[in-house]
Amino acid sequence: LLQSSEKAHLFLDVMSCPFVSIDTRRFLYRKYLKNFEPNLNRSHLEIENDLQSLLQTYWFVKWDELDIVKMIEKKELKESY
């Protein structure tokens, strides 16, 4: 994440995607905290609040306005996604 803006963008988009399960987002967020913020000790409640905040934040994809089928048909999604 620190050396790849594409990975950082993907991480933020996944964290804000309402179609990704809370369990998956929680797992990824905890992994992020462990690997990139080892001195930041977040309680369970703080993690849940962070996840809720991330879910409500627009990063790069506006999930509520996205027509994935249309984008796939037009080949607008990057291959890496």
PDB file of N, CA and C in Angstrom:
ATOM      1  N   LEU A   1       0.817  -1.204   0.000  1.00  0.00           N
ATOM      2  CA  LEU A   1       0.000   0.000   0.000  1.00  0.00           C
ATOM      3  C   LEU A   1       0.856   1.261   0.000  1.00  0.00           C
ATOM      4  N   LEU A   2       1.967   1.208   0.715  1.00  0.00           N
ATOM      5  CA  LEU A   2       2.795   2.404   0.825  1.00  0.00           C
ATOM      6  C   LEU A   2       3.541   2.730  -0.461  1.00  0.00           C
ATOM      7  N   GLN A   3       3.782   1.728  -1.287  1.00  0.00           N
ATOM      8  CA  GLN A   3       4.567   1.947  -2.491  1.00  0.00           C
ATOM      9  C   GLN A   3       3.736   1.866  -3.768  1.00  0.00           C
ATOM     10  N   SER A   4       2.445   1.697  -3.643  1.00  0.00           N
ATOM     11  CA  SER A   4       1.599   1.559  -4.829  1.00  0.00           C
ATOM     12  C   SER A   4       0.296   2.320  -4.626  1.00  0.00           C
ATOM     13  N   SER A   5       0.150   3.400  -5.370  1.00  0.00           N
ATOM     14  CA  SER A   5      -1.090   4.165  -5.242  1.00  0.00           C
ATOM     15  C   SER A   5      -2.282   3.340  -5.720  1.00  0.00           C
ATOM     16  N   GLU A   6      -2.057   2.469  -6.703  1.00  0.00           N
ATOM     17  CA  GLU A   6      -3.148   1.629  -7.200  1.00  0.00           C
ATOM     18  C   GLU A   6      -3.665   0.707  -6.094  1.00  0.00           C
ATOM     19  N   LYS A   7      -2.756   0.120  -5.316  1.00  0.00           N
ATOM     20  CA  LYS A   7      -3.166  -0.742  -4.205  1.00  0.00           C
ATOM     21  C   LYS A   7      -3.859   0.064  -3.115  1.00  0.00           C
ATOM     22  N   ALA A   8      -3.365   1.268  -2.857  1.00  0.00           N
ATOM     23  CA  ALA A   8      -4.004   2.127  -1.858  1.00  0.00           C
ATOM     24  C   ALA A   8      -5.416   2.499  -2.300  1.00  0.00           C
ATOM     25  N   HIS A   9      -5.576   2.846  -3.562  1.00  0.00           N
ATOM     26  CA  HIS A   9      -6.903   3.187  -4.102  1.00  0.00           C
ATOM     27  C   HIS A   9      -7.839   1.989  -4.014  1.00  0.00           C
ATOM     28  N   LEU A  10      -7.334   0.819  -4.376  1.00  0.00           N
ATOM     29  CA  LEU A  10      -8.148  -0.394  -4.316  1.00  0.00           C
ATOM     30  C   LEU A  10      -8.567  -0.690  -2.883  1.00  0.00           C
ATOM     31  N   PHE A  11      -7.634  -0.560  -1.944  1.00  0.00           N
ATOM     32  CA  PHE A  11      -7.947  -0.792  -0.529  1.00  0.00           C
ATOM     33  C   PHE A  11      -9.064   0.138  -0.064  1.00  0.00           C
ATOM     34  N   LEU A  12      -8.929   1.420  -0.360  1.00  0.00           N
ATOM     35  CA  LEU A  12      -9.947   2.384   0.059  1.00  0.00           C
ATOM     36  C   LEU A  12     -11.288   2.109  -0.614  1.00  0.00           C
ATOM     37  N   ASP A  13     -11.267   1.742  -1.880  1.00  0.00           N
ATOM     38  CA  ASP A  13     -12.515   1.415  -2.573  1.00  0.00           C
ATOM     39  C   ASP A  13     -13.175   0.177  -1.979  1.00  0.00           C
ATOM     40  N   VAL A  14     -12.391  -0.830  -1.650  1.00  0.00           N
ATOM     41  CA  VAL A  14     -12.949  -2.040  -1.030  1.00  0.00           C
ATOM     42  C   VAL A  14     -13.530  -1.702   0.338  1.00  0.00           C
ATOM     43  N   MET A  15     -12.838  -0.865   1.093  1.00  0.00           N
ATOM     44  CA  MET A  15     -13.311  -0.516   2.430  1.00  0.00           C
ATOM     45  C   MET A  15     -14.607   0.296   2.381  1.00  0.00           C
ATOM     46  N   SER A  16     -14.846   0.973   1.273  1.00  0.00           N
ATOM     47  CA  SER A  16     -16.063   1.781   1.151  1.00  0.00           C
ATOM     48  C   SER A  16     -17.157   1.097   0.336  1.00  0.00           C
ATOM     49  N   CYS A  17     -16.891  -0.117  -0.122  1.00  0.00           N
ATOM     50  CA  CYS A  17     -17.848  -0.815  -0.986  1.00  0.00           C
ATOM     51  C   CYS A  17     -18.936  -1.513  -0.169  1.00  0.00           C
ATOM     52  N   PRO A  18     -20.196  -1.154  -0.386  1.00  0.00           N
ATOM     53  CA  PRO A  18     -21.288  -1.784   0.360  1.00  0.00           C
ATOM     54  C   PRO A  18     -21.543  -3.232  -0.051  1.00  0.00           C
ATOM     55  N   PHE A  19     -20.926  -3.679  -1.135  1.00  0.00           N
ATOM     56  CA  PHE A  19     -21.120  -5.046  -1.612  1.00  0.00           C
ATOM     57  C   PHE A  19     -20.107  -6.023  -1.021  1.00  0.00           C
ATOM     58  N   VAL A  20     -19.112  -5.499  -0.313  1.00  0.00           N
ATOM     59  CA  VAL A  20     -18.120  -6.334   0.370  1.00  0.00           C
ATOM     60  C   VAL A  20     -18.622  -6.560   1.787  1.00  0.00           C
ATOM     61  N   SER A  21     -18.609  -7.794   2.222  1.00  0.00           N
ATOM     62  CA  SER A  21     -19.160  -8.121   3.544  1.00  0.00           C
ATOM     63  C   SER A  21     -18.394  -7.417   4.657  1.00  0.00           C
ATOM     64  N   ILE A  22     -19.085  -7.178   5.748  1.00  0.00           N
ATOM     65  CA  ILE A  22     -18.458  -6.556   6.912  1.00  0.00           C
ATOM     66  C   ILE A  22     -17.323  -7.422   7.433  1.00  0.00           C
ATOM     67  N   ASP A  23     -17.472  -8.731   7.375  1.00  0.00           N
ATOM     68  CA  ASP A  23     -16.411  -9.632   7.841  1.00  0.00           C
ATOM     69  C   ASP A  23     -15.144  -9.469   7.007  1.00  0.00           C
ATOM     70  N   THR A  24     -15.303  -9.358   5.712  1.00  0.00           N
ATOM     71  CA  THR A  24     -14.148  -9.175   4.829  1.00  0.00           C
ATOM     72  C   THR A  24     -13.503  -7.825   5.071  1.00  0.00           C
ATOM     73  N   ARG A  25     -14.317  -6.794   5.162  1.00  0.00           N
ATOM     74  CA  ARG A  25     -13.775  -5.455   5.408  1.00  0.00           C
ATOM     75  C   ARG A  25     -13.087  -5.393   6.764  1.00  0.00           C
ATOM     76  N   ARG A  26     -13.652  -6.018   7.782  1.00  0.00           N
ATOM     77  CA  ARG A  26     -13.046  -6.059   9.116  1.00  0.00           C
ATOM     78  C   ARG A  26     -11.697  -6.782   9.070  1.00  0.00           C
ATOM     79  N   PHE A  27     -11.660  -7.930   8.397  1.00  0.00           N
ATOM     80  CA  PHE A  27     -10.419  -8.698   8.261  1.00  0.00           C
ATOM     81  C   PHE A  27      -9.328  -7.854   7.593  1.00  0.00           C
ATOM     82  N   LEU A  28      -9.673  -7.217   6.470  1.00  0.00           N
ATOM     83  CA  LEU A  28      -8.697  -6.408   5.744  1.00  0.00           C
ATOM     84  C   LEU A  28      -8.239  -5.208   6.554  1.00  0.00           C
ATOM     85  N   TYR A  29      -9.147  -4.579   7.271  1.00  0.00           N
ATOM     86  CA  TYR A  29      -8.796  -3.403   8.068  1.00  0.00           C
ATOM     87  C   TYR A  29      -7.872  -3.791   9.217  1.00  0.00           C
ATOM     88  N   ARG A  30      -8.168  -4.892   9.877  1.00  0.00           N
ATOM     89  CA  ARG A  30      -7.297  -5.351  10.968  1.00  0.00           C
ATOM     90  C   ARG A  30      -5.913  -5.722  10.438  1.00  0.00           C
ATOM     91  N   LYS A  31      -5.887  -6.316   9.269  1.00  0.00           N
ATOM     92  CA  LYS A  31      -4.601  -6.657   8.651  1.00  0.00           C
ATOM     93  C   LYS A  31      -3.831  -5.379   8.320  1.00  0.00           C
ATOM     94  N   TYR A  32      -4.534  -4.379   7.808  1.00  0.00           N
ATOM     95  CA  TYR A  32      -3.910  -3.085   7.535  1.00  0.00           C
ATOM     96  C   TYR A  32      -3.326  -2.492   8.816  1.00  0.00           C
ATOM     97  N   LEU A  33      -4.120  -2.467   9.878  1.00  0.00           N
ATOM     98  CA  LEU A  33      -3.644  -1.903  11.141  1.00  0.00           C
ATOM     99  C   LEU A  33      -2.404  -2.637  11.642  1.00  0.00           C
ATOM    100  N   LYS A  34      -2.428  -3.936  11.573  1.00  0.00           N
ATOM    101  CA  LYS A  34      -1.299  -4.747  12.052  1.00  0.00           C
ATOM    102  C   LYS A  34      -0.028  -4.460  11.251  1.00  0.00           C
ATOM    103  N   ASN A  35      -0.157  -4.362   9.934  1.00  0.00           N
ATOM    104  CA  ASN A  35       1.013  -4.199   9.071  1.00  0.00           C
ATOM    105  C   ASN A  35       1.499  -2.766   8.918  1.00  0.00           C
ATOM    106  N   PHE A  36       0.584  -1.799   8.974  1.00  0.00           N
ATOM    107  CA  PHE A  36       0.964  -0.427   8.673  1.00  0.00           C
ATOM    108  C   PHE A  36       0.807   0.543   9.840  1.00  0.00           C
ATOM    109  N   GLU A  37       0.088   0.161  10.864  1.00  0.00           N
ATOM    110  CA  GLU A  37      -0.118   1.015  12.038  1.00  0.00           C
ATOM    111  C   GLU A  37       0.065   0.189  13.316  1.00  0.00           C
ATOM    112  N   PRO A  38       1.220  -0.478  13.476  1.00  0.00           N
ATOM    113  CA  PRO A  38       1.380  -1.398  14.610  1.00  0.00           C
ATOM    114  C   PRO A  38       1.308  -0.723  15.981  1.00  0.00           C
ATOM    115  N   ASN A  39       1.575   0.562  16.054  1.00  0.00           N
ATOM    116  CA  ASN A  39       1.526   1.272  17.335  1.00  0.00           C
ATOM    117  C   ASN A  39       0.158   1.873  17.634  1.00  0.00           C
ATOM    118  N   LEU A  40      -0.754   1.733  16.708  1.00  0.00           N
ATOM    119  CA  LEU A  40      -2.103   2.265  16.884  1.00  0.00           C
ATOM    120  C   LEU A  40      -2.993   1.160  17.438  1.00  0.00           C
ATOM    121  N   ASN A  41      -3.278   1.228  18.708  1.00  0.00           N
ATOM    122  CA  ASN A  41      -4.095   0.205  19.367  1.00  0.00           C
ATOM    123  C   ASN A  41      -5.555   0.635  19.351  1.00  0.00           C
ATOM    124  N   ARG A  42      -6.322   0.040  18.446  1.00  0.00           N
ATOM    125  CA  ARG A  42      -7.735   0.380  18.306  1.00  0.00           C
ATOM    126  C   ARG A  42      -8.578  -0.664  19.020  1.00  0.00           C
ATOM    127  N   SER A  43      -9.542  -0.197  19.785  1.00  0.00           N
ATOM    128  CA  SER A  43     -10.481  -1.108  20.443  1.00  0.00           C
ATOM    129  C   SER A  43     -11.452  -1.661  19.400  1.00  0.00           C
ATOM    130  N   HIS A  44     -12.194  -2.683  19.796  1.00  0.00           N
ATOM    131  CA  HIS A  44     -13.194  -3.256  18.894  1.00  0.00           C
ATOM    132  C   HIS A  44     -14.195  -2.180  18.466  1.00  0.00           C
ATOM    133  N   LEU A  45     -14.645  -1.373  19.404  1.00  0.00           N
ATOM    134  CA  LEU A  45     -15.606  -0.311  19.091  1.00  0.00           C
ATOM    135  C   LEU A  45     -15.001   0.717  18.134  1.00  0.00           C
ATOM    136  N   GLU A  46     -13.755   1.078  18.341  1.00  0.00           N
ATOM    137  CA  GLU A  46     -13.103   2.032  17.446  1.00  0.00           C
ATOM    138  C   GLU A  46     -12.968   1.463  16.034  1.00  0.00           C
ATOM    139  N   ILE A  47     -12.635   0.185  15.946  1.00  0.00           N
ATOM    140  CA  ILE A  47     -12.534  -0.459  14.634  1.00  0.00           C
ATOM    141  C   ILE A  47     -13.888  -0.463  13.941  1.00  0.00           C
ATOM    142  N   GLU A  48     -14.933  -0.787  14.680  1.00  0.00           N
ATOM    143  CA  GLU A  48     -16.279  -0.787  14.090  1.00  0.00           C
ATOM    144  C   GLU A  48     -16.677   0.616  13.635  1.00  0.00           C
ATOM    145  N   ASN A  49     -16.329   1.624  14.424  1.00  0.00           N
ATOM    146  CA  ASN A  49     -16.616   3.009  14.035  1.00  0.00           C
ATOM    147  C   ASN A  49     -15.816   3.409  12.797  1.00  0.00           C
ATOM    148  N   ASP A  50     -14.558   2.991  12.751  1.00  0.00           N
ATOM    149  CA  ASP A  50     -13.728   3.265  11.572  1.00  0.00           C
ATOM    150  C   ASP A  50     -14.340   2.637  10.325  1.00  0.00           C
ATOM    151  N   LEU A  51     -14.761   1.380  10.455  1.00  0.00           N
ATOM    152  CA  LEU A  51     -15.354   0.679   9.314  1.00  0.00           C
ATOM    153  C   LEU A  51     -16.626   1.366   8.836  1.00  0.00           C
ATOM    154  N   GLN A  52     -17.429   1.825   9.774  1.00  0.00           N
ATOM    155  CA  GLN A  52     -18.658   2.528   9.409  1.00  0.00           C
ATOM    156  C   GLN A  52     -18.336   3.844   8.711  1.00  0.00           C
ATOM    157  N   SER A  53     -17.340   4.534   9.220  1.00  0.00           N
ATOM    158  CA  SER A  53     -16.929   5.793   8.608  1.00  0.00           C
ATOM    159  C   SER A  53     -16.380   5.571   7.200  1.00  0.00           C
ATOM    160  N   LEU A  54     -15.559   4.544   7.039  1.00  0.00           N
ATOM    161  CA  LEU A  54     -15.017   4.224   5.719  1.00  0.00           C
ATOM    162  C   LEU A  54     -16.120   3.854   4.741  1.00  0.00           C
ATOM    163  N   LEU A  55     -17.120   3.164   5.221  1.00  0.00           N
ATOM    164  CA  LEU A  55     -18.233   2.754   4.372  1.00  0.00           C
ATOM    165  C   LEU A  55     -19.025   3.960   3.869  1.00  0.00           C
ATOM    166  N   GLN A  56     -19.036   5.018   4.629  1.00  0.00           N
ATOM    167  CA  GLN A  56     -19.808   6.209   4.266  1.00  0.00           C
ATOM    168  C   GLN A  56     -18.984   7.256   3.526  1.00  0.00           C
ATOM    169  N   THR A  57     -17.719   6.950   3.287  1.00  0.00           N
ATOM    170  CA  THR A  57     -16.825   7.904   2.639  1.00  0.00           C
ATOM    171  C   THR A  57     -16.630   7.542   1.177  1.00  0.00           C
ATOM    172  N   TYR A  58     -16.813   8.516   0.308  1.00  0.00           N
ATOM    173  CA  TYR A  58     -16.542   8.324  -1.119  1.00  0.00           C
ATOM    174  C   TYR A  58     -15.040   8.486  -1.337  1.00  0.00           C
ATOM    175  N   TRP A  59     -14.428   7.499  -1.966  1.00  0.00           N
ATOM    176  CA  TRP A  59     -13.000   7.587  -2.281  1.00  0.00           C
ATOM    177  C   TRP A  59     -12.839   7.755  -3.789  1.00  0.00           C
ATOM    178  N   PHE A  60     -12.853   6.681  -4.528  1.00  0.00           N
ATOM    179  CA  PHE A  60     -12.610   6.774  -5.967  1.00  0.00           C
ATOM    180  C   PHE A  60     -13.777   6.243  -6.790  1.00  0.00           C
ATOM    181  N   VAL A  61     -14.521   5.319  -6.235  1.00  0.00           N
ATOM    182  CA  VAL A  61     -15.703   4.777  -6.905  1.00  0.00           C
ATOM    183  C   VAL A  61     -16.936   5.212  -6.125  1.00  0.00           C
ATOM    184  N   LYS A  62     -17.889   5.787  -6.825  1.00  0.00           N
ATOM    185  CA  LYS A  62     -19.161   6.145  -6.191  1.00  0.00           C
ATOM    186  C   LYS A  62     -20.072   4.930  -6.304  1.00  0.00           C
ATOM    187  N   TRP A  63     -20.032   4.087  -5.266  1.00  0.00           N
ATOM    188  CA  TRP A  63     -20.739   2.810  -5.323  1.00  0.00           C
ATOM    189  C   TRP A  63     -22.244   2.975  -5.482  1.00  0.00           C
ATOM    190  N   ASP A  64     -22.808   4.034  -4.959  1.00  0.00           N
ATOM    191  CA  ASP A  64     -24.257   4.212  -5.054  1.00  0.00           C
ATOM    192  C   ASP A  64     -24.699   4.671  -6.444  1.00  0.00           C
ATOM    193  N   GLU A  65     -23.751   5.105  -7.273  1.00  0.00           N
ATOM    194  CA  GLU A  65     -24.076   5.549  -8.629  1.00  0.00           C
ATOM    195  C   GLU A  65     -23.483   4.627  -9.696  1.00  0.00           C
ATOM    196  N   LEU A  66     -22.904   3.536  -9.278  1.00  0.00           N
ATOM    197  CA  LEU A  66     -22.165   2.669 -10.186  1.00  0.00           C
ATOM    198  C   LEU A  66     -23.058   1.613 -10.820  1.00  0.00           C
ATOM    199  N   ASP A  67     -22.925   1.473 -12.113  1.00  0.00           N
ATOM    200  CA  ASP A  67     -23.592   0.393 -12.845  1.00  0.00           C
ATOM    201  C   ASP A  67     -22.492  -0.549 -13.329  1.00  0.00           C
ATOM    202  N   ILE A  68     -22.167  -1.552 -12.506  1.00  0.00           N
ATOM    203  CA  ILE A  68     -21.044  -2.444 -12.787  1.00  0.00           C
ATOM    204  C   ILE A  68     -21.231  -3.184 -14.104  1.00  0.00           C
ATOM    205  N   VAL A  69     -22.429  -3.672 -14.360  1.00  0.00           N
ATOM    206  CA  VAL A  69     -22.679  -4.405 -15.607  1.00  0.00           C
ATOM    207  C   VAL A  69     -22.384  -3.509 -16.807  1.00  0.00           C
ATOM    208  N   LYS A  70     -22.854  -2.287 -16.747  1.00  0.00           N
ATOM    209  CA  LYS A  70     -22.617  -1.350 -17.845  1.00  0.00           C
ATOM    210  C   LYS A  70     -21.122  -1.086 -18.019  1.00  0.00           C
ATOM    211  N   MET A  71     -20.408  -0.928 -16.901  1.00  0.00           N
ATOM    212  CA  MET A  71     -18.972  -0.678 -16.977  1.00  0.00           C
ATOM    213  C   MET A  71     -18.223  -1.875 -17.551  1.00  0.00           C
ATOM    214  N   ILE A  72     -18.630  -3.071 -17.165  1.00  0.00           N
ATOM    215  CA  ILE A  72     -17.984  -4.274 -17.696  1.00  0.00           C
ATOM    216  C   ILE A  72     -18.235  -4.370 -19.195  1.00  0.00           C
ATOM    217  N   GLU A  73     -19.467  -4.104 -19.597  1.00  0.00           N
ATOM    218  CA  GLU A  73     -19.795  -4.156 -21.022  1.00  0.00           C
ATOM    219  C   GLU A  73     -18.979  -3.143 -21.818  1.00  0.00           C
ATOM    220  N   LYS A  74     -18.733  -1.987 -21.233  1.00  0.00           N
ATOM    221  CA  LYS A  74     -17.943  -0.961 -21.907  1.00  0.00           C
ATOM    222  C   LYS A  74     -16.444  -1.142 -21.666  1.00  0.00           C
ATOM    223  N   LYS A  75     -16.099  -2.122 -20.834  1.00  0.00           N
ATOM    224  CA  LYS A  75     -14.703  -2.403 -20.479  1.00  0.00           C
ATOM    225  C   LYS A  75     -14.048  -1.197 -19.828  1.00  0.00           C
ATOM    226  N   GLU A  76     -14.788  -0.530 -18.948  1.00  0.00           N
ATOM    227  CA  GLU A  76     -14.261   0.638 -18.269  1.00  0.00           C
ATOM    228  C   GLU A  76     -13.530   0.288 -16.981  1.00  0.00           C
ATOM    229  N   LEU A  77     -13.752  -0.908 -16.453  1.00  0.00           N
ATOM    230  CA  LEU A  77     -13.050  -1.293 -15.238  1.00  0.00           C
ATOM    231  C   LEU A  77     -11.631  -1.704 -15.590  1.00  0.00           C
ATOM    232  N   LYS A  78     -10.694  -1.306 -14.750  1.00  0.00           N
ATOM    233  CA  LYS A  78      -9.305  -1.704 -14.984  1.00  0.00           C
ATOM    234  C   LYS A  78      -9.166  -3.203 -14.817  1.00  0.00           C
ATOM    235  N   GLU A  79      -8.278  -3.795 -15.576  1.00  0.00           N
ATOM    236  CA  GLU A  79      -8.056  -5.235 -15.486  1.00  0.00           C
ATOM    237  C   GLU A  79      -7.602  -5.642 -14.098  1.00  0.00           C
ATOM    238  N   SER A  80      -6.861  -4.787 -13.410  1.00  0.00           N
ATOM    239  CA  SER A  80      -6.358  -5.136 -12.083  1.00  0.00           C
ATOM    240  C   SER A  80      -7.474  -5.215 -11.055  1.00  0.00           C
ATOM    241  N   TYR A  81      -8.589  -4.542 -11.295  1.00  0.00           N
ATOM    242  CA  TYR A  81      -9.721  -4.625 -10.389  1.00  0.00           C
ATOM    243  C   TYR A  81     -10.439  -5.919 -10.671  1.00  0.00           C
TER     244      TYR A  81
END
